[in-house]
Protein backbone atom coordinates (compact mmCIF):
# COMPACT_ATOMS: atom_id res chain seq x y z
CA MET A 1 48.84 -37.20 -30.75
CA LEU A 2 49.57 -33.54 -31.17
CA ALA A 3 47.50 -31.93 -33.90
CA LEU A 4 48.57 -28.75 -35.62
CA ILE A 5 45.10 -27.22 -35.79
CA ASP A 6 42.09 -27.61 -33.52
CA GLN A 7 39.05 -29.42 -34.97
CA SER A 8 36.72 -26.41 -35.05
CA PRO A 9 38.15 -24.88 -38.27
CA PHE A 10 37.51 -28.18 -40.01
CA LEU A 11 33.88 -28.13 -38.91
CA ILE A 12 33.43 -24.55 -40.10
CA SER A 13 35.12 -25.28 -43.42
CA ARG A 14 33.00 -28.41 -43.83
CA ILE A 15 29.81 -26.35 -43.50
CA ILE A 16 30.94 -23.54 -45.79
CA LEU A 17 32.35 -25.85 -48.43
CA PHE A 18 29.18 -27.95 -48.39
CA PHE A 19 27.06 -25.01 -49.54
CA VAL A 20 29.63 -23.89 -52.11
CA ALA A 21 30.13 -27.38 -53.55
CA THR A 22 26.39 -28.05 -53.62
CA MET A 23 25.80 -24.85 -55.57
CA PHE A 24 28.49 -25.68 -58.14
CA ILE A 25 27.31 -29.26 -58.52
CA PHE A 26 23.71 -28.09 -58.97
CA LYS A 27 24.81 -25.67 -61.72
CA ALA A 28 26.82 -28.44 -63.38
CA LEU A 29 23.90 -30.87 -63.27
CA GLN A 30 21.64 -28.34 -64.99
CA ALA A 31 23.77 -28.77 -68.12
CA ILE A 32 22.49 -32.35 -68.43
CA ASP A 33 19.44 -32.70 -70.67
CA LEU A 34 16.94 -35.05 -69.06
CA SER A 35 13.93 -33.97 -71.11
CA LYS A 36 14.03 -37.23 -73.05
CA ILE A 37 13.63 -39.27 -69.87
CA PHE A 38 10.92 -37.22 -68.15
CA LYS A 39 7.52 -36.15 -69.44
CA LYS A 40 6.90 -32.67 -70.79
CA ASN A 41 6.19 -29.95 -68.22
CA SER A 42 8.07 -31.85 -65.50
CA ALA A 43 10.70 -29.20 -64.83
CA ASP A 44 9.89 -29.27 -61.11
CA ASN A 45 10.62 -33.00 -60.93
CA ILE A 46 13.92 -32.58 -62.72
CA ARG A 47 14.88 -29.64 -60.49
CA PHE A 48 14.02 -31.66 -57.37
CA LEU A 49 16.09 -34.59 -58.62
CA PHE A 50 19.02 -32.28 -59.31
CA MET A 51 18.74 -30.75 -55.83
CA VAL A 52 18.76 -34.14 -54.11
CA VAL A 53 21.66 -35.42 -56.21
CA SER A 54 23.66 -32.22 -55.72
CA ILE A 55 23.18 -32.35 -51.93
CA ILE A 56 24.36 -35.96 -51.84
CA LEU A 57 27.34 -35.35 -54.11
CA GLY A 58 28.21 -32.12 -52.30
CA HIS A 59 28.29 -33.91 -48.97
CA LEU A 60 30.45 -36.74 -50.33
CA PHE A 61 32.87 -34.35 -52.03
CA VAL A 62 33.29 -32.10 -49.00
CA ASP A 63 33.57 -35.04 -46.62
CA ALA A 64 36.35 -36.53 -48.72
CA ILE A 65 38.31 -33.28 -48.99
CA VAL A 66 37.97 -32.19 -45.35
CA SER A 67 38.67 -35.71 -44.06
CA LEU A 68 41.87 -35.71 -46.08
CA PHE A 69 42.97 -32.46 -44.45
CA GLU A 70 41.97 -33.74 -41.00
CA ASN A 71 44.09 -36.85 -41.49
CA LEU A 72 47.01 -34.78 -42.72
CA ASN A 73 46.67 -32.58 -39.65
CA GLN A 74 46.81 -35.62 -37.37
CA ILE A 75 49.81 -37.10 -39.17
CA LEU A 76 51.85 -33.90 -39.01
């Protein structure tokens, strides 16, 4: 099928949006208070958990959004 846009802009936008979304998700996760679950002085563990979760959620969010635009590009 004839696509409107080549696939390379989608790859570039996927990479850029991944870092932007991960940063926003990490900032949003810092608003959650997990001090009741973890021991005292375990800020590094909480920060590591937030980083891992924000990377996973950032990838899923960006993959969903960019895949939607890729499918729209193929349909049109």
